[in-house]
Every structure is written in structure tokens, then in C-alpha cells.
C-alpha atoms as a PDB file:
ATOM      1  CA  MET A   1     -45.004 114.674  67.934  1.00  0.00           C
ATOM      2  CA  GLN A   2     -43.517 111.488  66.886  1.00  0.00           C
ATOM      3  CA  LYS A   3     -44.714 112.408  62.994  1.00  0.00           C
ATOM      4  CA  LYS A   4     -42.254 115.620  63.568  1.00  0.00           C
ATOM      5  CA  ALA A   5     -39.415 113.915  65.184  1.00  0.00           C
ATOM      6  CA  PHE A   6     -39.981 111.040  62.385  1.00  0.00           C
ATOM      7  CA  ILE A   7     -40.257 113.764  59.703  1.00  0.00           C
ATOM      8  CA  LEU A   8     -37.577 115.569  60.673  1.00  0.00           C
ATOM      9  CA  ALA A   9     -34.777 112.715  60.997  1.00  0.00           C
ATOM     10  CA  VAL A  10     -36.193 111.704  56.853  1.00  0.00           C
ATOM     11  CA  VAL A  11     -35.266 115.642  56.193  1.00  0.00           C
ATOM     12  CA  VAL A  12     -31.912 115.310  57.817  1.00  0.00           C
ATOM     13  CA  LEU A  13     -31.009 111.930  56.688  1.00  0.00           C
ATOM     14  CA  ALA A  14     -31.548 113.519  52.869  1.00  0.00           C
ATOM     15  CA  MET A  15     -29.949 116.530  53.514  1.00  0.00           C
ATOM     16  CA  PHE A  16     -26.582 114.172  54.381  1.00  0.00           C
ATOM     17  CA  ALA A  17     -26.898 111.409  52.404  1.00  0.00           C
ATOM     18  CA  THR A  18     -24.604 112.300  49.756  1.00  0.00           C
ATOM     19  CA  THR A  19     -21.742 112.339  52.218  1.00  0.00           C
ATOM     20  CA  ALA A  20     -22.491 110.001  54.511  1.00  0.00           C
ATOM     21  CA  LYS A  21     -19.875 107.179  56.666  1.00  0.00           C
ATOM     22  CA  SER A  22     -18.265 106.878  60.274  1.00  0.00           C
ATOM     23  CA  GLN A  23     -15.939 105.645  62.010  1.00  0.00           C
ATOM     24  CA  THR A  24     -11.776 105.803  61.678  1.00  0.00           C
ATOM     25  CA  SER A  25      -9.996 105.568  58.682  1.00  0.00           C
ATOM     26  CA  SER A  26      -7.487 108.215  57.369  1.00  0.00           C
ATOM     27  CA  SER A  27      -5.201 109.282  54.002  1.00  0.00           C
ATOM     28  CA  SER A  28      -3.140 111.947  53.685  1.00  0.00           C
ATOM     29  CA  THR A  29      -3.391 113.956  50.685  1.00  0.00           C
ATOM     30  CA  SER A  30       0.034 115.287  50.666  1.00  0.00           C
ATOM     31  CA  ASP A  31       3.812 113.746  51.867  1.00  0.00           C
ATOM     32  CA  ARG A  32       3.872 114.974  55.085  1.00  0.00           C
ATOM     33  CA  LYS A  33       3.767 112.327  57.557  1.00  0.00           C
ATOM     34  CA  VAL A  34       1.369 111.923  60.000  1.00  0.00           C
ATOM     35  CA  VAL A  35       3.760 110.555  63.551  1.00  0.00           C
ATOM     36  CA  ALA A  36       0.583 110.666  65.895  1.00  0.00           C
ATOM     37  CA  GLN A  37      -3.273 110.537  64.757  1.00  0.00           C
ATOM     38  CA  VAL A  38      -6.103 110.104  66.966  1.00  0.00           C
ATOM     39  CA  SER A  39      -9.016 109.109  66.216  1.00  0.00           C
ATOM     40  CA  PRO A  40     -12.285 110.842  66.451  1.00  0.00           C
ATOM     41  CA  VAL A  41     -14.715 110.136  68.755  1.00  0.00           C
ATOM     42  CA  TYR A  42     -18.152 108.780  66.511  1.00  0.00           C
ATOM     43  CA  PRO A  43     -20.988 111.023  67.657  1.00  0.00           C
ATOM     44  CA  GLU A  44     -23.824 109.746  70.095  1.00  0.00           C
ATOM     45  CA  LEU A  45     -26.461 110.993  66.382  1.00  0.00           C
ATOM     46  CA  ALA A  46     -24.638 109.190  64.157  1.00  0.00           C
ATOM     47  CA  LYS A  47     -24.808 105.889  66.373  1.00  0.00           C
ATOM     48  CA  LYS A  48     -28.838 106.393  67.022  1.00  0.00           C
ATOM     49  CA  MET A  49     -29.173 107.597  62.943  1.00  0.00           C
ATOM     50  CA  HIS A  50     -26.597 105.054  61.688  1.00  0.00           C
ATOM     51  CA  ILE A  51     -24.430 107.689  59.520  1.00  0.00           C
ATOM     52  CA  ARG A  52     -21.722 107.323  57.400  1.00  0.00           C
ATOM     53  CA  GLY A  53     -19.219 109.369  55.849  1.00  0.00           C
ATOM     54  CA  THR A  54     -15.938 110.976  54.591  1.00  0.00           C
ATOM     55  CA  VAL A  55     -15.116 114.203  56.209  1.00  0.00           C
ATOM     56  CA  ARG A  56     -12.438 116.117  54.377  1.00  0.00           C
ATOM     57  CA  VAL A  57     -10.284 118.418  56.116  1.00  0.00           C
ATOM     58  CA  GLU A  58      -7.551 120.908  56.172  1.00  0.00           C
ATOM     59  CA  ALA A  59      -4.931 120.924  58.862  1.00  0.00           C
ATOM     60  CA  THR A  60      -2.757 123.673  58.596  1.00  0.00           C
ATOM     61  CA  VAL A  61       0.724 122.657  59.925  1.00  0.00           C
ATOM     62  CA  ARG A  62       3.457 124.328  61.684  1.00  0.00           C
ATOM     63  CA  PRO A  63       7.199 123.417  61.175  1.00  0.00           C
ATOM     64  CA  ASN A  64       7.445 121.627  64.578  1.00  0.00           C
ATOM     65  CA  GLY A  65       4.608 119.188  62.893  1.00  0.00           C
ATOM     66  CA  ALA A  66       1.400 120.702  65.085  1.00  0.00           C
ATOM     67  CA  VAL A  67      -1.610 121.616  63.868  1.00  0.00           C
ATOM     68  CA  LYS A  68      -2.043 125.182  64.030  1.00  0.00           C
ATOM     69  CA  SER A  69      -6.128 124.916  62.517  1.00  0.00           C
ATOM     70  CA  THR A  70      -8.555 123.092  60.110  1.00  0.00           C
ATOM     71  CA  ARG A  71     -10.849 123.994  58.332  1.00  0.00           C
ATOM     72  CA  VAL A  72     -14.187 121.097  57.182  1.00  0.00           C
ATOM     73  CA  LEU A  73     -13.951 120.711  53.552  1.00  0.00           C
ATOM     74  CA  GLY A  74     -16.656 118.174  52.997  1.00  0.00           C
ATOM     75  CA  GLY A  75     -18.804 115.660  55.009  1.00  0.00           C
ATOM     76  CA  ASN A  76     -21.449 115.150  56.949  1.00  0.00           C
ATOM     77  CA  PRO A  77     -22.371 118.248  59.538  1.00  0.00           C
ATOM     78  CA  VAL A  78     -23.609 115.562  62.155  1.00  0.00           C
ATOM     79  CA  LEU A  79     -19.640 114.165  61.442  1.00  0.00           C
ATOM     80  CA  VAL A  80     -18.080 117.342  61.078  1.00  0.00           C
ATOM     81  CA  THR A  81     -16.641 118.553  64.622  1.00  0.00           C
ATOM     82  CA  ALA A  82     -15.758 115.009  65.575  1.00  0.00           C
ATOM     83  CA  ALA A  83     -13.109 115.024  62.619  1.00  0.00           C
ATOM     84  CA  GLN A  84     -11.887 118.276  63.092  1.00  0.00           C
ATOM     85  CA  ASP A  85     -11.531 117.909  67.155  1.00  0.00           C
ATOM     86  CA  ALA A  86      -9.284 115.029  65.999  1.00  0.00           C
ATOM     87  CA  VAL A  87      -7.116 116.476  63.653  1.00  0.00           C
ATOM     88  CA  THR A  88      -6.285 119.021  65.933  1.00  0.00           C
ATOM     89  CA  LYS A  89      -5.045 117.092  67.723  1.00  0.00           C
ATOM     90  CA  TRP A  90      -2.455 114.993  65.240  1.00  0.00           C
ATOM     91  CA  LYS A  91       1.375 115.526  65.307  1.00  0.00           C
ATOM     92  CA  PHE A  92       2.836 115.480  61.825  1.00  0.00           C
ATOM     93  CA  GLU A  93       6.688 115.265  60.856  1.00  0.00           C
ATOM     94  CA  PRO A  94       8.286 118.512  61.112  1.00  0.00           C
ATOM     95  CA  ALA A  95       9.120 120.658  58.074  1.00  0.00           C
ATOM     96  CA  GLN A  96      11.425 123.455  56.959  1.00  0.00           C
ATOM     97  CA  SER A  97       8.098 126.045  57.393  1.00  0.00           C
ATOM     98  CA  GLU A  98       4.321 125.812  57.445  1.00  0.00           C
ATOM     99  CA  THR A  99       2.345 123.190  55.356  1.00  0.00           C
ATOM    100  CA  THR A 100      -1.006 122.590  54.193  1.00  0.00           C
ATOM    101  CA  GLU A 101      -2.409 119.471  55.012  1.00  0.00           C
ATOM    102  CA  VAL A 102      -5.976 117.891  53.383  1.00  0.00           C
ATOM    103  CA  VAL A 103      -7.171 114.408  55.564  1.00  0.00           C
ATOM    104  CA  GLN A 104      -9.886 112.369  54.517  1.00  0.00           C
ATOM    105  CA  LEU A 105     -11.758 110.717  57.588  1.00  0.00           C
ATOM    106  CA  THR A 106     -14.133 108.072  57.074  1.00  0.00           C
ATOM    107  CA  PHE A 107     -16.827 107.318  59.723  1.00  0.00           C
ATOM    108  CA  GLU A 108     -18.352 103.398  59.602  1.00  0.00           C
ATOM    109  CA  GLY A 109     -21.067 102.126  61.499  1.00  0.00           C
ATOM    110  CA  GLN A 110     -20.449 101.308  64.947  1.00  0.00           C
END
């Protein structure tokens, strides 16, 4: 049983090694500024497996600055839900129309 768990852990780590990182640093690729930012919660599984990485999230932002929807562009699957949940709660500065913002959250080991 321990051998199966070890093999599974190795496979999971190997699959996600290219996109691994963790913790909370973020950047946006547009001119629309973030006025309220919620940090993602570092997942327990990621802590236990020492997973680190960057998650890129595309956010559709309403004219009032609220995030309407999100879409993951890349990152470790163990980290993407935490990143998406956090970005959903962000608030951007108001604008004339709906915009699409790409943000990057970096998870560094805790």
C-alpha cells in the first residue's frame, strides 16, 4: 500500500513539475489596476507535497470592477482552485466597459 502511494506521489509530481510554485505574489498584464486583492489559500496537499508554482488566470471584469468570471490559463492543478477562488474576489478599478485581465499568482513554499 505504501509503495502505491509513493508511486502515485512520484507520478503526480512528475506531471506537474514544469508548472510548480506556490504562495502569493501576483501581477496583472493590463492597465486596469487592482483595487482590492484577496490572497489565495495555500492548499494543504500542496504544502504536504512541497508544490510550488505560478498559476495564470484570465478574469473577465465588469465595468464596475467586479470579477464576472475566471478561466485558468496554466498552472499546477493542485494550485489552480485556490488561485481561481482568490481572483474571483478581487476588485478592479471601474472602466467604461467589460475587460479581460490576465493575472499571475505565484505560490512559493510555506
